[in-house]
Amino acid sequence: MDHWRYLLVLLTCLVLTAPLEFLGGGVYRRPRLLLGALLPAVTLFVVWDLVAIAAGVWDYNSRYLLGVFLPGTIPLEELLFFLVVPLCGLLTYDAVETLLGAARRRGSTSPTKQPRR
């Protein structure tokens, strides 16, 4: 079961943030924007990982991995981490921005609130 732990954490992150798609403007419904947001982060962190692995700065505990490695010795779970975490962050940001925008609009158009003089 330990081999699945990393993937289970990533899956939990996706499941917990999935409802945010309906609170925000639709991250999954705008694939070009999603790709534009994810690609720089994924590229940067994959390169960072490759350099760190090659330099012996860090490695991965095989106990928590499935054993699938991509070229350059990056575990599959690590690549998925670089996709899932920014995606969850983007879903959260989009939902919060949408909710705050709605709250601002309600606050500024409320007939009971009068400007201070």
PDB file of N, CA and C in Angstrom:
ATOM      1  N   MET A   1       0.810  -1.198   0.000  1.00  0.00           N
ATOM      2  CA  MET A   1       0.000   0.000   0.000  1.00  0.00           C
ATOM      3  C   MET A   1       0.852   1.261   0.000  1.00  0.00           C
ATOM      4  N   ASP A   2       2.040   1.192   0.573  1.00  0.00           N
ATOM      5  CA  ASP A   2       2.916   2.363   0.622  1.00  0.00           C
ATOM      6  C   ASP A   2       3.255   2.885  -0.775  1.00  0.00           C
ATOM      7  N   HIS A   3       3.347   1.973  -1.756  1.00  0.00           N
ATOM      8  CA  HIS A   3       3.690   2.387  -3.118  1.00  0.00           C
ATOM      9  C   HIS A   3       2.651   3.339  -3.706  1.00  0.00           C
ATOM     10  N   TRP A   4       1.449   3.298  -3.207  1.00  0.00           N
ATOM     11  CA  TRP A   4       0.364   4.137  -3.732  1.00  0.00           C
ATOM     12  C   TRP A   4       0.204   5.446  -2.964  1.00  0.00           C
ATOM     13  N   ARG A   5       0.955   5.626  -1.896  1.00  0.00           N
ATOM     14  CA  ARG A   5       0.736   6.769  -1.011  1.00  0.00           C
ATOM     15  C   ARG A   5       0.869   8.116  -1.727  1.00  0.00           C
ATOM     16  N   TYR A   6       1.914   8.302  -2.491  1.00  0.00           N
ATOM     17  CA  TYR A   6       2.141   9.569  -3.203  1.00  0.00           C
ATOM     18  C   TYR A   6       0.964   9.848  -4.144  1.00  0.00           C
ATOM     19  N   LEU A   7       0.559   8.833  -4.896  1.00  0.00           N
ATOM     20  CA  LEU A   7      -0.567   9.016  -5.815  1.00  0.00           C
ATOM     21  C   LEU A   7      -1.876   9.264  -5.080  1.00  0.00           C
ATOM     22  N   LEU A   8      -2.062   8.632  -3.935  1.00  0.00           N
ATOM     23  CA  LEU A   8      -3.278   8.855  -3.154  1.00  0.00           C
ATOM     24  C   LEU A   8      -3.349  10.288  -2.625  1.00  0.00           C
ATOM     25  N   VAL A   9      -2.222  10.836  -2.236  1.00  0.00           N
ATOM     26  CA  VAL A   9      -2.196  12.237  -1.790  1.00  0.00           C
ATOM     27  C   VAL A   9      -2.573  13.160  -2.944  1.00  0.00           C
ATOM     28  N   LEU A  10      -2.029  12.903  -4.122  1.00  0.00           N
ATOM     29  CA  LEU A  10      -2.355  13.723  -5.293  1.00  0.00           C
ATOM     30  C   LEU A  10      -3.829  13.584  -5.662  1.00  0.00           C
ATOM     31  N   LEU A  11      -4.347  12.378  -5.610  1.00  0.00           N
ATOM     32  CA  LEU A  11      -5.761  12.149  -5.904  1.00  0.00           C
ATOM     33  C   LEU A  11      -6.652  12.873  -4.891  1.00  0.00           C
ATOM     34  N   THR A  12      -6.262  12.844  -3.632  1.00  0.00           N
ATOM     35  CA  THR A  12      -7.016  13.546  -2.595  1.00  0.00           C
ATOM     36  C   THR A  12      -7.052  15.048  -2.878  1.00  0.00           C
ATOM     37  N   CYS A  13      -5.924  15.600  -3.285  1.00  0.00           N
ATOM     38  CA  CYS A  13      -5.876  17.024  -3.642  1.00  0.00           C
ATOM     39  C   CYS A  13      -6.852  17.325  -4.774  1.00  0.00           C
ATOM     40  N   LEU A  14      -6.874  16.483  -5.792  1.00  0.00           N
ATOM     41  CA  LEU A  14      -7.783  16.697  -6.917  1.00  0.00           C
ATOM     42  C   LEU A  14      -9.244  16.568  -6.500  1.00  0.00           C
ATOM     43  N   VAL A  15      -9.541  15.572  -5.686  1.00  0.00           N
ATOM     44  CA  VAL A  15     -10.925  15.358  -5.253  1.00  0.00           C
ATOM     45  C   VAL A  15     -11.410  16.529  -4.395  1.00  0.00           C
ATOM     46  N   LEU A  16     -10.563  17.012  -3.499  1.00  0.00           N
ATOM     47  CA  LEU A  16     -10.971  18.100  -2.612  1.00  0.00           C
ATOM     48  C   LEU A  16     -11.163  19.424  -3.350  1.00  0.00           C
ATOM     49  N   THR A  17     -10.413  19.638  -4.411  1.00  0.00           N
ATOM     50  CA  THR A  17     -10.537  20.910  -5.143  1.00  0.00           C
ATOM     51  C   THR A  17     -11.470  20.813  -6.347  1.00  0.00           C
ATOM     52  N   ALA A  18     -11.914  19.630  -6.716  1.00  0.00           N
ATOM     53  CA  ALA A  18     -12.797  19.471  -7.880  1.00  0.00           C
ATOM     54  C   ALA A  18     -14.067  20.314  -7.793  1.00  0.00           C
ATOM     55  N   PRO A  19     -14.736  20.399  -6.641  1.00  0.00           N
ATOM     56  CA  PRO A  19     -15.954  21.223  -6.581  1.00  0.00           C
ATOM     57  C   PRO A  19     -15.703  22.703  -6.858  1.00  0.00           C
ATOM     58  N   LEU A  20     -14.471  23.147  -6.700  1.00  0.00           N
ATOM     59  CA  LEU A  20     -14.153  24.558  -6.948  1.00  0.00           C
ATOM     60  C   LEU A  20     -14.342  24.936  -8.414  1.00  0.00           C
ATOM     61  N   GLU A  21     -14.336  23.948  -9.289  1.00  0.00           N
ATOM     62  CA  GLU A  21     -14.590  24.210 -10.717  1.00  0.00           C
ATOM     63  C   GLU A  21     -15.949  24.874 -10.900  1.00  0.00           C
ATOM     64  N   PHE A  22     -16.890  24.519 -10.050  1.00  0.00           N
ATOM     65  CA  PHE A  22     -18.248  25.048 -10.189  1.00  0.00           C
ATOM     66  C   PHE A  22     -18.437  26.386  -9.481  1.00  0.00           C
ATOM     67  N   LEU A  23     -17.524  26.742  -8.591  1.00  0.00           N
ATOM     68  CA  LEU A  23     -17.594  28.031  -7.903  1.00  0.00           C
ATOM     69  C   LEU A  23     -16.899  29.131  -8.695  1.00  0.00           C
ATOM     70  N   GLY A  24     -15.918  28.741  -9.485  1.00  0.00           N
ATOM     71  CA  GLY A  24     -15.141  29.718 -10.233  1.00  0.00           C
ATOM     72  C   GLY A  24     -15.616  29.864 -11.660  1.00  0.00           C
ATOM     73  N   GLY A  25     -14.718  30.375 -12.473  1.00  0.00           N
ATOM     74  CA  GLY A  25     -15.045  30.638 -13.864  1.00  0.00           C
ATOM     75  C   GLY A  25     -14.860  29.452 -14.786  1.00  0.00           C
ATOM     76  N   GLY A  26     -14.474  28.317 -14.257  1.00  0.00           N
ATOM     77  CA  GLY A  26     -14.332  27.124 -15.081  1.00  0.00           C
ATOM     78  C   GLY A  26     -12.925  26.917 -15.594  1.00  0.00           C
ATOM     79  N   VAL A  27     -12.044  26.467 -14.736  1.00  0.00           N
ATOM     80  CA  VAL A  27     -10.648  26.219 -15.106  1.00  0.00           C
ATOM     81  C   VAL A  27     -10.554  25.124 -16.168  1.00  0.00           C
ATOM     82  N   TYR A  28     -11.271  24.037 -15.974  1.00  0.00           N
ATOM     83  CA  TYR A  28     -11.206  22.925 -16.923  1.00  0.00           C
ATOM     84  C   TYR A  28     -11.886  23.268 -18.247  1.00  0.00           C
ATOM     85  N   ARG A  29     -12.786  24.217 -18.218  1.00  0.00           N
ATOM     86  CA  ARG A  29     -13.509  24.597 -19.441  1.00  0.00           C
ATOM     87  C   ARG A  29     -12.710  25.560 -20.313  1.00  0.00           C
ATOM     88  N   ARG A  30     -11.533  25.961 -19.862  1.00  0.00           N
ATOM     89  CA  ARG A  30     -10.669  26.846 -20.629  1.00  0.00           C
ATOM     90  C   ARG A  30      -9.295  26.204 -20.783  1.00  0.00           C
ATOM     91  N   PRO A  31      -9.214  25.157 -21.610  1.00  0.00           N
ATOM     92  CA  PRO A  31      -7.977  24.367 -21.675  1.00  0.00           C
ATOM     93  C   PRO A  31      -6.751  25.157 -22.144  1.00  0.00           C
ATOM     94  N   ARG A  32      -6.919  26.112 -23.044  1.00  0.00           N
ATOM     95  CA  ARG A  32      -5.751  26.891 -23.502  1.00  0.00           C
ATOM     96  C   ARG A  32      -5.187  27.736 -22.372  1.00  0.00           C
ATOM     97  N   LEU A  33      -6.061  28.353 -21.592  1.00  0.00           N
ATOM     98  CA  LEU A  33      -5.595  29.126 -20.444  1.00  0.00           C
ATOM     99  C   LEU A  33      -4.973  28.218 -19.389  1.00  0.00           C
ATOM    100  N   LEU A  34      -5.572  27.060 -19.185  1.00  0.00           N
ATOM    101  CA  LEU A  34      -5.039  26.092 -18.227  1.00  0.00           C
ATOM    102  C   LEU A  34      -3.638  25.653 -18.640  1.00  0.00           C
ATOM    103  N   LEU A  35      -3.484  25.322 -19.894  1.00  0.00           N
ATOM    104  CA  LEU A  35      -2.172  24.917 -20.397  1.00  0.00           C
ATOM    105  C   LEU A  35      -1.162  26.057 -20.271  1.00  0.00           C
ATOM    106  N   GLY A  36      -1.601  27.273 -20.571  1.00  0.00           N
ATOM    107  CA  GLY A  36      -0.721  28.434 -20.451  1.00  0.00           C
ATOM    108  C   GLY A  36      -0.278  28.699 -19.025  1.00  0.00           C
ATOM    109  N   ALA A  37      -1.124  28.346 -18.069  1.00  0.00           N
ATOM    110  CA  ALA A  37      -0.772  28.520 -16.662  1.00  0.00           C
ATOM    111  C   ALA A  37       0.115  27.387 -16.155  1.00  0.00           C
ATOM    112  N   LEU A  38      -0.146  26.168 -16.610  1.00  0.00           N
ATOM    113  CA  LEU A  38       0.599  25.010 -16.100  1.00  0.00           C
ATOM    114  C   LEU A  38       1.957  24.818 -16.764  1.00  0.00           C
ATOM    115  N   LEU A  39       2.035  25.064 -18.049  1.00  0.00           N
ATOM    116  CA  LEU A  39       3.253  24.746 -18.793  1.00  0.00           C
ATOM    117  C   LEU A  39       4.511  25.410 -18.225  1.00  0.00           C
ATOM    118  N   PRO A  40       4.496  26.710 -17.922  1.00  0.00           N
ATOM    119  CA  PRO A  40       5.724  27.308 -17.356  1.00  0.00           C
ATOM    120  C   PRO A  40       6.121  26.684 -16.020  1.00  0.00           C
ATOM    121  N   ALA A  41       5.159  26.446 -15.145  1.00  0.00           N
ATOM    122  CA  ALA A  41       5.475  25.868 -13.833  1.00  0.00           C
ATOM    123  C   ALA A  41       6.005  24.447 -13.971  1.00  0.00           C
ATOM    124  N   VAL A  42       5.348  23.645 -14.777  1.00  0.00           N
ATOM    125  CA  VAL A  42       5.779  22.258 -14.969  1.00  0.00           C
ATOM    126  C   VAL A  42       7.185  22.221 -15.580  1.00  0.00           C
ATOM    127  N   THR A  43       7.408  23.031 -16.582  1.00  0.00           N
ATOM    128  CA  THR A  43       8.723  23.066 -17.242  1.00  0.00           C
ATOM    129  C   THR A  43       9.812  23.464 -16.253  1.00  0.00           C
ATOM    130  N   LEU A  44       9.581  24.538 -15.511  1.00  0.00           N
ATOM    131  CA  LEU A  44      10.572  25.019 -14.551  1.00  0.00           C
ATOM    132  C   LEU A  44      10.909  23.958 -13.516  1.00  0.00           C
ATOM    133  N   PHE A  45       9.896  23.333 -12.948  1.00  0.00           N
ATOM    134  CA  PHE A  45      10.151  22.380 -11.869  1.00  0.00           C
ATOM    135  C   PHE A  45      10.699  21.042 -12.372  1.00  0.00           C
ATOM    136  N   VAL A  46      10.359  20.637 -13.583  1.00  0.00           N
ATOM    137  CA  VAL A  46      10.961  19.419 -14.131  1.00  0.00           C
ATOM    138  C   VAL A  46      12.450  19.642 -14.364  1.00  0.00           C
ATOM    139  N   VAL A  47      12.793  20.795 -14.933  1.00  0.00           N
ATOM    140  CA  VAL A  47      14.220  21.114 -15.152  1.00  0.00           C
ATOM    141  C   VAL A  47      14.931  21.180 -13.801  1.00  0.00           C
ATOM    142  N   TRP A  48      14.316  21.844 -12.836  1.00  0.00           N
ATOM    143  CA  TRP A  48      14.882  21.953 -11.496  1.00  0.00           C
ATOM    144  C   TRP A  48      15.138  20.557 -10.920  1.00  0.00           C
ATOM    145  N   ASP A  49      14.174  19.679 -11.026  1.00  0.00           N
ATOM    146  CA  ASP A  49      14.319  18.315 -10.523  1.00  0.00           C
ATOM    147  C   ASP A  49      15.443  17.570 -11.225  1.00  0.00           C
ATOM    148  N   LEU A  50      15.489  17.680 -12.548  1.00  0.00           N
ATOM    149  CA  LEU A  50      16.547  16.992 -13.296  1.00  0.00           C
ATOM    150  C   LEU A  50      17.928  17.447 -12.845  1.00  0.00           C
ATOM    151  N   VAL A  51      18.100  18.735 -12.656  1.00  0.00           N
ATOM    152  CA  VAL A  51      19.387  19.269 -12.207  1.00  0.00           C
ATOM    153  C   VAL A  51      19.703  18.775 -10.795  1.00  0.00           C
ATOM    154  N   ALA A  52      18.718  18.839  -9.908  1.00  0.00           N
ATOM    155  CA  ALA A  52      18.943  18.406  -8.523  1.00  0.00           C
ATOM    156  C   ALA A  52      19.244  16.917  -8.431  1.00  0.00           C
ATOM    157  N   ILE A  53      18.556  16.120  -9.227  1.00  0.00           N
ATOM    158  CA  ILE A  53      18.813  14.670  -9.222  1.00  0.00           C
ATOM    159  C   ILE A  53      20.210  14.385  -9.762  1.00  0.00           C
ATOM    160  N   ALA A  54      20.555  15.033 -10.874  1.00  0.00           N
ATOM    161  CA  ALA A  54      21.876  14.815 -11.479  1.00  0.00           C
ATOM    162  C   ALA A  54      22.993  15.248 -10.535  1.00  0.00           C
ATOM    163  N   ALA A  55      22.762  16.297  -9.762  1.00  0.00           N
ATOM    164  CA  ALA A  55      23.780  16.796  -8.834  1.00  0.00           C
ATOM    165  C   ALA A  55      23.802  16.012  -7.525  1.00  0.00           C
ATOM    166  N   GLY A  56      22.880  15.089  -7.361  1.00  0.00           N
ATOM    167  CA  GLY A  56      22.830  14.302  -6.137  1.00  0.00           C
ATOM    168  C   GLY A  56      22.264  15.067  -4.951  1.00  0.00           C
ATOM    169  N   VAL A  57      21.557  16.159  -5.220  1.00  0.00           N
ATOM    170  CA  VAL A  57      20.979  16.963  -4.149  1.00  0.00           C
ATOM    171  C   VAL A  57      19.834  16.218  -3.471  1.00  0.00           C
ATOM    172  N   TRP A  58      19.027  15.526  -4.268  1.00  0.00           N
ATOM    173  CA  TRP A  58      17.959  14.728  -3.676  1.00  0.00           C
ATOM    174  C   TRP A  58      17.629  13.531  -4.542  1.00  0.00           C
ATOM    175  N   ASP A  59      16.918  12.617  -3.918  1.00  0.00           N
ATOM    176  CA  ASP A  59      16.401  11.453  -4.622  1.00  0.00           C
ATOM    177  C   ASP A  59      15.045  11.118  -4.008  1.00  0.00           C
ATOM    178  N   TYR A  60      14.493  10.005  -4.356  1.00  0.00           N
ATOM    179  CA  TYR A  60      13.141   9.644  -3.935  1.00  0.00           C
ATOM    180  C   TYR A  60      13.152   8.301  -3.252  1.00  0.00           C
ATOM    181  N   ASN A  61      12.344   8.180  -2.236  1.00  0.00           N
ATOM    182  CA  ASN A  61      12.231   6.935  -1.487  1.00  0.00           C
ATOM    183  C   ASN A  61      11.366   5.967  -2.291  1.00  0.00           C
ATOM    184  N   SER A  62      11.958   4.898  -2.766  1.00  0.00           N
ATOM    185  CA  SER A  62      11.245   3.941  -3.613  1.00  0.00           C
ATOM    186  C   SER A  62      10.086   3.262  -2.878  1.00  0.00           C
ATOM    187  N   ARG A  63      10.089   3.338  -1.574  1.00  0.00           N
ATOM    188  CA  ARG A  63       9.000   2.745  -0.787  1.00  0.00           C
ATOM    189  C   ARG A  63       7.651   3.380  -1.144  1.00  0.00           C
ATOM    190  N   TYR A  64       7.667   4.665  -1.522  1.00  0.00           N
ATOM    191  CA  TYR A  64       6.429   5.402  -1.774  1.00  0.00           C
ATOM    192  C   TYR A  64       6.159   5.631  -3.257  1.00  0.00           C
ATOM    193  N   LEU A  65       6.889   4.951  -4.103  1.00  0.00           N
ATOM    194  CA  LEU A  65       6.744   5.129  -5.551  1.00  0.00           C
ATOM    195  C   LEU A  65       6.312   3.832  -6.213  1.00  0.00           C
ATOM    196  N   LEU A  66       5.655   3.974  -7.361  1.00  0.00           N
ATOM    197  CA  LEU A  66       5.260   2.787  -8.124  1.00  0.00           C
ATOM    198  C   LEU A  66       6.443   2.170  -8.850  1.00  0.00           C
ATOM    199  N   GLY A  67       7.479   2.960  -9.072  1.00  0.00           N
ATOM    200  CA  GLY A  67       8.655   2.455  -9.769  1.00  0.00           C
ATOM    201  C   GLY A  67       8.697   2.826 -11.236  1.00  0.00           C
ATOM    202  N   VAL A  68       7.794   3.685 -11.674  1.00  0.00           N
ATOM    203  CA  VAL A  68       7.784   4.168 -13.064  1.00  0.00           C
ATOM    204  C   VAL A  68       8.580   5.460 -13.103  1.00  0.00           C
ATOM    205  N   PHE A  69       9.674   5.449 -13.869  1.00  0.00           N
ATOM    206  CA  PHE A  69      10.529   6.624 -13.970  1.00  0.00           C
ATOM    207  C   PHE A  69      10.535   7.137 -15.399  1.00  0.00           C
ATOM    208  N   LEU A  70      10.474   8.440 -15.525  1.00  0.00           N
ATOM    209  CA  LEU A  70      10.525   9.091 -16.823  1.00  0.00           C
ATOM    210  C   LEU A  70      11.987   9.357 -17.173  1.00  0.00           C
ATOM    211  N   PRO A  71      12.278   9.669 -18.417  1.00  0.00           N
ATOM    212  CA  PRO A  71      13.672   9.959 -18.782  1.00  0.00           C
ATOM    213  C   PRO A  71      14.273  11.017 -17.859  1.00  0.00           C
ATOM    214  N   GLY A  72      15.488  10.768 -17.423  1.00  0.00           N
ATOM    215  CA  GLY A  72      16.144  11.676 -16.502  1.00  0.00           C
ATOM    216  C   GLY A  72      15.933  11.279 -15.049  1.00  0.00           C
ATOM    217  N   THR A  73      15.338  10.128 -14.824  1.00  0.00           N
ATOM    218  CA  THR A  73      15.097   9.533 -13.500  1.00  0.00           C
ATOM    219  C   THR A  73      14.068  10.277 -12.649  1.00  0.00           C
ATOM    220  N   ILE A  74      13.144  10.991 -13.266  1.00  0.00           N
ATOM    221  CA  ILE A  74      12.060  11.615 -12.502  1.00  0.00           C
ATOM    222  C   ILE A  74      10.939  10.596 -12.341  1.00  0.00           C
ATOM    223  N   PRO A  75      10.514  10.336 -11.103  1.00  0.00           N
ATOM    224  CA  PRO A  75       9.397   9.415 -10.902  1.00  0.00           C
ATOM    225  C   PRO A  75       8.099   9.985 -11.487  1.00  0.00           C
ATOM    226  N   LEU A  76       7.257   9.114 -11.959  1.00  0.00           N
ATOM    227  CA  LEU A  76       5.966   9.517 -12.511  1.00  0.00           C
ATOM    228  C   LEU A  76       5.189  10.370 -11.506  1.00  0.00           C
ATOM    229  N   GLU A  77       5.227   9.969 -10.236  1.00  0.00           N
ATOM    230  CA  GLU A  77       4.498  10.696  -9.209  1.00  0.00           C
ATOM    231  C   GLU A  77       4.973  12.146  -9.094  1.00  0.00           C
ATOM    232  N   GLU A  78       6.258  12.369  -9.286  1.00  0.00           N
ATOM    233  CA  GLU A  78       6.801  13.728  -9.189  1.00  0.00           C
ATOM    234  C   GLU A  78       6.299  14.598 -10.340  1.00  0.00           C
ATOM    235  N   LEU A  79       6.258  14.041 -11.531  1.00  0.00           N
ATOM    236  CA  LEU A  79       5.715  14.793 -12.665  1.00  0.00           C
ATOM    237  C   LEU A  79       4.242  15.108 -12.432  1.00  0.00           C
ATOM    238  N   LEU A  80       3.498  14.148 -11.933  1.00  0.00           N
ATOM    239  CA  LEU A  80       2.089  14.385 -11.630  1.00  0.00           C
ATOM    240  C   LEU A  80       1.926  15.440 -10.546  1.00  0.00           C
ATOM    241  N   PHE A  81       2.832  15.457  -9.580  1.00  0.00           N
ATOM    242  CA  PHE A  81       2.811  16.487  -8.539  1.00  0.00           C
ATOM    243  C   PHE A  81       2.922  17.875  -9.165  1.00  0.00           C
ATOM    244  N   PHE A  82       3.799  18.015 -10.152  1.00  0.00           N
ATOM    245  CA  PHE A  82       3.989  19.310 -10.803  1.00  0.00           C
ATOM    246  C   PHE A  82       2.780  19.729 -11.626  1.00  0.00           C
ATOM    247  N   LEU A  83       1.925  18.803 -11.955  1.00  0.00           N
ATOM    248  CA  LEU A  83       0.668  19.131 -12.642  1.00  0.00           C
ATOM    249  C   LEU A  83      -0.469  19.363 -11.647  1.00  0.00           C
ATOM    250  N   VAL A  84      -0.575  18.492 -10.662  1.00  0.00           N
ATOM    251  CA  VAL A  84      -1.713  18.513  -9.743  1.00  0.00           C
ATOM    252  C   VAL A  84      -1.679  19.719  -8.807  1.00  0.00           C
ATOM    253  N   VAL A  85      -0.549  20.000  -8.206  1.00  0.00           N
ATOM    254  CA  VAL A  85      -0.491  21.078  -7.215  1.00  0.00           C
ATOM    255  C   VAL A  85      -0.774  22.445  -7.849  1.00  0.00           C
ATOM    256  N   PRO A  86      -0.152  22.797  -8.983  1.00  0.00           N
ATOM    257  CA  PRO A  86      -0.543  24.074  -9.601  1.00  0.00           C
ATOM    258  C   PRO A  86      -1.999  24.090 -10.059  1.00  0.00           C
ATOM    259  N   LEU A  87      -2.510  22.961 -10.531  1.00  0.00           N
ATOM    260  CA  LEU A  87      -3.911  22.890 -10.935  1.00  0.00           C
ATOM    261  C   LEU A  87      -4.823  23.155  -9.745  1.00  0.00           C
ATOM    262  N   CYS A  88      -4.548  22.531  -8.615  1.00  0.00           N
ATOM    263  CA  CYS A  88      -5.353  22.755  -7.416  1.00  0.00           C
ATOM    264  C   CYS A  88      -5.246  24.207  -6.950  1.00  0.00           C
ATOM    265  N   GLY A  89      -4.056  24.773  -7.042  1.00  0.00           N
ATOM    266  CA  GLY A  89      -3.880  26.178  -6.695  1.00  0.00           C
ATOM    267  C   GLY A  89      -4.668  27.084  -7.617  1.00  0.00           C
ATOM    268  N   LEU A  90      -4.658  26.765  -8.902  1.00  0.00           N
ATOM    269  CA  LEU A  90      -5.401  27.555  -9.883  1.00  0.00           C
ATOM    270  C   LEU A  90      -6.903  27.453  -9.648  1.00  0.00           C
ATOM    271  N   LEU A  91      -7.390  26.262  -9.368  1.00  0.00           N
ATOM    272  CA  LEU A  91      -8.814  26.091  -9.042  1.00  0.00           C
ATOM    273  C   LEU A  91      -9.191  26.905  -7.818  1.00  0.00           C
ATOM    274  N   THR A  92      -8.355  26.875  -6.808  1.00  0.00           N
ATOM    275  CA  THR A  92      -8.618  27.624  -5.582  1.00  0.00           C
ATOM    276  C   THR A  92      -8.609  29.125  -5.851  1.00  0.00           C
ATOM    277  N   TYR A  93      -7.594  29.590  -6.545  1.00  0.00           N
ATOM    278  CA  TYR A  93      -7.496  31.018  -6.859  1.00  0.00           C
ATOM    279  C   TYR A  93      -8.706  31.487  -7.657  1.00  0.00           C
ATOM    280  N   ASP A  94      -9.077  30.733  -8.669  1.00  0.00           N
ATOM    281  CA  ASP A  94     -10.200  31.111  -9.527  1.00  0.00           C
ATOM    282  C   ASP A  94     -11.508  31.167  -8.741  1.00  0.00           C
ATOM    283  N   ALA A  95     -11.735  30.193  -7.883  1.00  0.00           N
ATOM    284  CA  ALA A  95     -12.963  30.169  -7.082  1.00  0.00           C
ATOM    285  C   ALA A  95     -12.995  31.329  -6.094  1.00  0.00           C
ATOM    286  N   VAL A  96     -11.877  31.586  -5.424  1.00  0.00           N
ATOM    287  CA  VAL A  96     -11.823  32.690  -4.458  1.00  0.00           C
ATOM    288  C   VAL A  96     -12.017  34.021  -5.176  1.00  0.00           C
ATOM    289  N   GLU A  97     -11.362  34.200  -6.301  1.00  0.00           N
ATOM    290  CA  GLU A  97     -11.506  35.443  -7.073  1.00  0.00           C
ATOM    291  C   GLU A  97     -12.955  35.646  -7.514  1.00  0.00           C
ATOM    292  N   THR A  98     -13.603  34.605  -7.961  1.00  0.00           N
ATOM    293  CA  THR A  98     -15.009  34.702  -8.381  1.00  0.00           C
ATOM    294  C   THR A  98     -15.911  35.051  -7.207  1.00  0.00           C
ATOM    295  N   LEU A  99     -15.711  34.384  -6.074  1.00  0.00           N
ATOM    296  CA  LEU A  99     -16.533  34.653  -4.894  1.00  0.00           C
ATOM    297  C   LEU A  99     -16.289  36.056  -4.342  1.00  0.00           C
ATOM    298  N   LEU A 100     -15.042  36.499  -4.320  1.00  0.00           N
ATOM    299  CA  LEU A 100     -14.753  37.856  -3.844  1.00  0.00           C
ATOM    300  C   LEU A 100     -15.334  38.901  -4.794  1.00  0.00           C
ATOM    301  N   GLY A 101     -15.255  38.627  -6.089  1.00  0.00           N
ATOM    302  CA  GLY A 101     -15.846  39.549  -7.065  1.00  0.00           C
ATOM    303  C   GLY A 101     -17.345  39.659  -6.875  1.00  0.00           C
ATOM    304  N   ALA A 102     -17.999  38.546  -6.626  1.00  0.00           N
ATOM    305  CA  ALA A 102     -19.449  38.564  -6.392  1.00  0.00           C
ATOM    306  C   ALA A 102     -19.772  39.314  -5.109  1.00  0.00           C
ATOM    307  N   ALA A 103     -18.965  39.113  -4.085  1.00  0.00           N
ATOM    308  CA  ALA A 103     -19.192  39.817  -2.815  1.00  0.00           C
ATOM    309  C   ALA A 103     -18.983  41.316  -2.987  1.00  0.00           C
ATOM    310  N   ARG A 104     -17.976  41.701  -3.757  1.00  0.00           N
ATOM    311  CA  ARG A 104     -17.735  43.126  -4.021  1.00  0.00           C
ATOM    312  C   ARG A 104     -18.903  43.743  -4.769  1.00  0.00           C
ATOM    313  N   ARG A 105     -19.411  43.026  -5.758  1.00  0.00           N
ATOM    314  CA  ARG A 105     -20.544  43.553  -6.532  1.00  0.00           C
ATOM    315  C   ARG A 105     -21.784  43.692  -5.663  1.00  0.00           C
ATOM    316  N   ARG A 106     -22.026  42.721  -4.817  1.00  0.00           N
ATOM    317  CA  ARG A 106     -23.176  42.800  -3.915  1.00  0.00           C
ATOM    318  C   ARG A 106     -23.010  43.959  -2.944  1.00  0.00           C
ATOM    319  N   GLY A 107     -21.809  44.152  -2.463  1.00  0.00           N
ATOM    320  CA  GLY A 107     -21.541  45.220  -1.500  1.00  0.00           C
ATOM    321  C   GLY A 107     -21.668  46.596  -2.115  1.00  0.00           C
ATOM    322  N   SER A 108     -21.291  46.750  -3.370  1.00  0.00           N
ATOM    323  CA  SER A 108     -21.322  48.075  -3.989  1.00  0.00           C
ATOM    324  C   SER A 108     -22.697  48.427  -4.540  1.00  0.00           C
ATOM    325  N   THR A 109     -23.567  47.457  -4.736  1.00  0.00           N
ATOM    326  CA  THR A 109     -24.891  47.748  -5.292  1.00  0.00           C
ATOM    327  C   THR A 109     -25.993  47.625  -4.253  1.00  0.00           C
ATOM    328  N   SER A 110     -25.599  47.386  -3.016  1.00  0.00           N
ATOM    329  CA  SER A 110     -26.596  47.215  -1.968  1.00  0.00           C
ATOM    330  C   SER A 110     -27.297  48.543  -1.672  1.00  0.00           C
ATOM    331  N   PRO A 111     -28.633  48.571  -1.730  1.00  0.00           N
ATOM    332  CA  PRO A 111     -29.354  49.818  -1.478  1.00  0.00           C
ATOM    333  C   PRO A 111     -29.312  50.232  -0.010  1.00  0.00           C
ATOM    334  N   THR A 112     -28.979  49.316   0.903  1.00  0.00           N
ATOM    335  CA  THR A 112     -28.974  49.671   2.322  1.00  0.00           C
ATOM    336  C   THR A 112     -27.690  50.358   2.744  1.00  0.00           C
ATOM    337  N   LYS A 113     -26.650  50.228   1.947  1.00  0.00           N
ATOM    338  CA  LYS A 113     -25.384  50.861   2.286  1.00  0.00           C
ATOM    339  C   LYS A 113     -25.333  52.249   1.665  1.00  0.00           C
ATOM    340  N   GLN A 114     -25.059  53.210   2.485  1.00  0.00           N
ATOM    341  CA  GLN A 114     -24.932  54.589   2.023  1.00  0.00           C
ATOM    342  C   GLN A 114     -23.469  55.009   2.171  1.00  0.00           C
ATOM    343  N   PRO A 115     -22.969  55.785   1.226  1.00  0.00           N
ATOM    344  CA  PRO A 115     -21.586  56.244   1.347  1.00  0.00           C
ATOM    345  C   PRO A 115     -21.424  57.164   2.556  1.00  0.00           C
ATOM    346  N   ARG A 116     -20.263  57.076   3.185  1.00  0.00           N
ATOM    347  CA  ARG A 116     -19.960  57.955   4.331  1.00  0.00           C
ATOM    348  C   ARG A 116     -19.727  59.372   3.845  1.00  0.00           C
ATOM    349  N   ARG A 117     -20.134  60.327   4.652  1.00  0.00           N
ATOM    350  CA  ARG A 117     -19.907  61.739   4.307  1.00  0.00           C
ATOM    351  C   ARG A 117     -19.119  62.400   5.384  1.00  0.00           C
TER     352      ARG A 117
END
